C-alpha atoms as a PDB file:
ATOM      1  CA  UNK A   1       9.858   3.113  -1.914  1.00  0.00           C
ATOM      2  CA  UNK A   2      11.838   4.204  -4.883  1.00  0.00           C
ATOM      3  CA  UNK A   3      10.589   3.468  -8.219  1.00  0.00           C
ATOM      4  CA  UNK A   4       6.782   4.044  -6.907  1.00  0.00           C
ATOM      5  CA  UNK A   5       4.296   5.870  -8.317  1.00  0.00           C
ATOM      6  CA  UNK A   6       0.527   6.945  -7.833  1.00  0.00           C
ATOM      7  CA  UNK A   7      -1.889   3.958  -8.934  1.00  0.00           C
ATOM      8  CA  UNK A   8      -3.723   3.844 -11.637  1.00  0.00           C
ATOM      9  CA  UNK A   9      -7.194   5.826 -11.075  1.00  0.00           C
ATOM     10  CA  UNK A  10      -8.935   2.671 -12.980  1.00  0.00           C
ATOM     11  CA  UNK A  11      -7.841   0.486 -10.263  1.00  0.00           C
ATOM     12  CA  UNK A  12     -10.632   1.242  -7.957  1.00  0.00           C
ATOM     13  CA  UNK A  13     -12.331  -1.999  -8.082  1.00  0.00           C
ATOM     14  CA  UNK A  14      -9.377  -3.784  -6.880  1.00  0.00           C
ATOM     15  CA  UNK A  15      -9.286  -5.367  -3.434  1.00  0.00           C
ATOM     16  CA  UNK A  16      -5.994  -3.236  -2.452  1.00  0.00           C
ATOM     17  CA  UNK A  17      -4.389  -0.300  -3.565  1.00  0.00           C
ATOM     18  CA  UNK A  18      -1.447  -1.177  -6.398  1.00  0.00           C
ATOM     19  CA  UNK A  19       1.398   0.988  -6.904  1.00  0.00           C
ATOM     20  CA  UNK A  20       3.348   1.336 -10.041  1.00  0.00           C
ATOM     21  CA  UNK A  21       6.930   0.102  -9.675  1.00  0.00           C
ATOM     22  CA  UNK A  22      10.041  -0.815 -11.282  1.00  0.00           C
ATOM     23  CA  UNK A  23      11.852  -3.230  -8.820  1.00  0.00           C
ATOM     24  CA  UNK A  24      13.960  -6.276  -9.031  1.00  0.00           C
ATOM     25  CA  UNK A  25      12.726  -9.427  -8.010  1.00  0.00           C
ATOM     26  CA  UNK A  26      12.992 -12.988  -8.106  1.00  0.00           C
ATOM     27  CA  UNK A  27      10.605 -15.982  -8.346  1.00  0.00           C
ATOM     28  CA  UNK A  28      11.693 -19.304  -6.704  1.00  0.00           C
ATOM     29  CA  UNK A  29      10.211 -22.837  -6.661  1.00  0.00           C
ATOM     30  CA  UNK A  30      11.685 -26.226  -6.429  1.00  0.00           C
ATOM     31  CA  UNK A  31      12.336 -25.715  -2.656  1.00  0.00           C
ATOM     32  CA  UNK A  32      13.730 -22.543  -3.225  1.00  0.00           C
ATOM     33  CA  UNK A  33      16.595 -24.027  -5.517  1.00  0.00           C
ATOM     34  CA  UNK A  34      15.266 -22.793  -8.827  1.00  0.00           C
ATOM     35  CA  UNK A  35      14.763 -18.903  -9.523  1.00  0.00           C
ATOM     36  CA  UNK A  36      13.854 -16.799 -12.240  1.00  0.00           C
ATOM     37  CA  UNK A  37      14.614 -12.610 -12.198  1.00  0.00           C
ATOM     38  CA  UNK A  38      11.775 -10.802 -12.681  1.00  0.00           C
ATOM     39  CA  UNK A  39      11.317  -6.807 -12.582  1.00  0.00           C
ATOM     40  CA  UNK A  40       8.149  -5.953 -10.144  1.00  0.00           C
ATOM     41  CA  UNK A  41       5.975  -3.724 -12.438  1.00  0.00           C
ATOM     42  CA  UNK A  42       2.930  -3.548 -10.241  1.00  0.00           C
ATOM     43  CA  UNK A  43       2.625  -3.944  -6.316  1.00  0.00           C
ATOM     44  CA  UNK A  44       0.268  -4.251  -3.738  1.00  0.00           C
ATOM     45  CA  UNK A  45      -0.237  -6.135  -0.348  1.00  0.00           C
ATOM     46  CA  UNK A  46      -2.434  -8.736  -1.928  1.00  0.00           C
ATOM     47  CA  UNK A  47      -0.009  -9.385  -5.216  1.00  0.00           C
ATOM     48  CA  UNK A  48       1.977  -8.261  -7.988  1.00  0.00           C
ATOM     49  CA  UNK A  49       2.503  -7.616 -11.801  1.00  0.00           C
ATOM     50  CA  UNK A  50       5.959  -9.052 -12.764  1.00  0.00           C
ATOM     51  CA  UNK A  51       7.826  -9.093 -16.054  1.00  0.00           C
ATOM     52  CA  UNK A  52      10.080 -12.028 -16.796  1.00  0.00           C
ATOM     53  CA  UNK A  53      12.080 -12.998 -20.165  1.00  0.00           C
ATOM     54  CA  UNK A  54      10.429 -14.910 -23.004  1.00  0.00           C
ATOM     55  CA  UNK A  55      10.363 -18.442 -22.558  1.00  0.00           C
ATOM     56  CA  UNK A  56      10.253 -18.844 -18.703  1.00  0.00           C
ATOM     57  CA  UNK A  57       8.271 -21.818 -17.541  1.00  0.00           C
ATOM     58  CA  UNK A  58       6.837 -21.332 -14.184  1.00  0.00           C
ATOM     59  CA  UNK A  59       4.663 -23.764 -11.841  1.00  0.00           C
ATOM     60  CA  UNK A  60       1.564 -22.303 -10.549  1.00  0.00           C
ATOM     61  CA  UNK A  61       2.638 -21.943  -7.181  1.00  0.00           C
ATOM     62  CA  UNK A  62       6.124 -20.405  -6.252  1.00  0.00           C
ATOM     63  CA  UNK A  63       7.765 -17.774  -3.930  1.00  0.00           C
ATOM     64  CA  UNK A  64       7.871 -14.039  -4.799  1.00  0.00           C
ATOM     65  CA  UNK A  65      11.208 -12.313  -3.303  1.00  0.00           C
ATOM     66  CA  UNK A  66      11.221  -8.390  -3.695  1.00  0.00           C
ATOM     67  CA  UNK A  67      15.016  -8.222  -3.374  1.00  0.00           C
ATOM     68  CA  UNK A  68      15.269  -4.236  -2.126  1.00  0.00           C
ATOM     69  CA  UNK A  69      13.321  -4.992   1.140  1.00  0.00           C
ATOM     70  CA  UNK A  70      13.852  -8.955   1.254  1.00  0.00           C
ATOM     71  CA  UNK A  71      10.112  -9.193   1.715  1.00  0.00           C
ATOM     72  CA  UNK A  72       9.035 -12.921   0.477  1.00  0.00           C
ATOM     73  CA  UNK A  73       5.674 -14.117  -0.139  1.00  0.00           C
ATOM     74  CA  UNK A  74       4.032 -17.366  -0.968  1.00  0.00           C
ATOM     75  CA  UNK A  75       2.540 -16.763  -4.264  1.00  0.00           C
ATOM     76  CA  UNK A  76       0.149 -18.288  -7.005  1.00  0.00           C
ATOM     77  CA  UNK A  77       0.142 -17.397 -10.701  1.00  0.00           C
ATOM     78  CA  UNK A  78      -3.467 -16.050 -11.468  1.00  0.00           C
ATOM     79  CA  UNK A  79      -2.738 -14.975 -15.299  1.00  0.00           C
ATOM     80  CA  UNK A  80      -0.456 -15.008 -17.863  1.00  0.00           C
ATOM     81  CA  UNK A  81       0.359 -12.274 -21.165  1.00  0.00           C
ATOM     82  CA  UNK A  82       3.567 -12.697 -22.695  1.00  0.00           C
ATOM     83  CA  UNK A  83       6.198 -11.911 -20.232  1.00  0.00           C
ATOM     84  CA  UNK A  84       3.950 -10.568 -17.846  1.00  0.00           C
ATOM     85  CA  UNK A  85       2.573 -12.550 -14.867  1.00  0.00           C
ATOM     86  CA  UNK A  86      -0.134 -11.693 -12.386  1.00  0.00           C
ATOM     87  CA  UNK A  87       0.724 -13.169  -8.882  1.00  0.00           C
ATOM     88  CA  UNK A  88      -1.809 -13.577  -5.873  1.00  0.00           C
ATOM     89  CA  UNK A  89       0.227 -13.478  -2.570  1.00  0.00           C
ATOM     90  CA  UNK A  90      -1.202 -16.386  -0.341  1.00  0.00           C
ATOM     91  CA  UNK A  91       1.093 -15.866   2.658  1.00  0.00           C
ATOM     92  CA  UNK A  92       4.164 -13.817   3.725  1.00  0.00           C
ATOM     93  CA  UNK A  93       7.398 -14.628   5.620  1.00  0.00           C
ATOM     94  CA  UNK A  94       9.998 -12.707   7.463  1.00  0.00           C
ATOM     95  CA  UNK A  95      13.544 -13.884   6.293  1.00  0.00           C
ATOM     96  CA  UNK A  96      15.253 -12.467   9.699  1.00  0.00           C
ATOM     97  CA  UNK A  97      13.991 -16.053  11.418  1.00  0.00           C
ATOM     98  CA  UNK A  98      13.765 -18.292   8.543  1.00  0.00           C
ATOM     99  CA  UNK A  99      11.404 -21.128  10.105  1.00  0.00           C
ATOM    100  CA  UNK A 100      11.718 -23.561   6.956  1.00  0.00           C
ATOM    101  CA  UNK A 101      14.662 -24.811   4.823  1.00  0.00           C
ATOM    102  CA  UNK A 102      13.148 -23.056   1.584  1.00  0.00           C
ATOM    103  CA  UNK A 103      13.181 -19.762   3.482  1.00  0.00           C
ATOM    104  CA  UNK A 104      16.908 -20.509   4.938  1.00  0.00           C
ATOM    105  CA  UNK A 105      17.514 -21.110   0.944  1.00  0.00           C
ATOM    106  CA  UNK A 106      15.726 -17.545   0.357  1.00  0.00           C
ATOM    107  CA  UNK A 107      17.487 -15.536   2.917  1.00  0.00           C
ATOM    108  CA  UNK A 108      20.738 -16.751   1.289  1.00  0.00           C
ATOM    109  CA  UNK A 109      19.736 -15.847  -2.096  1.00  0.00           C
ATOM    110  CA  UNK A 110      18.557 -12.349  -1.005  1.00  0.00           C
ATOM    111  CA  UNK A 111      21.828 -11.886   0.777  1.00  0.00           C
ATOM    112  CA  UNK A 112      23.871 -13.054  -1.988  1.00  0.00           C
ATOM    113  CA  UNK A 113      21.835 -10.718  -4.526  1.00  0.00           C
ATOM    114  CA  UNK A 114      22.339  -7.727  -2.233  1.00  0.00           C
ATOM    115  CA  UNK A 115      25.926  -8.086  -1.978  1.00  0.00           C
ATOM    116  CA  UNK A 116      26.215  -8.743  -5.917  1.00  0.00           C
ATOM    117  CA  UNK A 117      24.030  -5.378  -6.303  1.00  0.00           C
ATOM    118  CA  UNK A 118      26.109  -3.360  -3.641  1.00  0.00           C
ATOM    119  CA  UNK A 119      23.093  -2.443  -1.373  1.00  0.00           C
END
């Protein structure tokens, strides 16, 4: 994965290995109709640390969409510090065969975002 570096050695007590990242992402809520752009700063199989613009109000439960890979996770907000938000992933979904209306919306959002970025 481009933009990923070795994890911080102070992360030894974490349940999953965390990797520093600089990736584009989206946070979605309201059945996928509301989105907030974010920058992924750290990523693991269990969660992420993301950065958003000032003043973004987010619900405690949302979807996290990593734009490069198209991975989508149901997530809950576990902490907030200024513009940074800690997310814990509660479920993962495959956008190849979306099973719900929310996932269909997220697949369309992912496809459109990739086209705009030229990926």
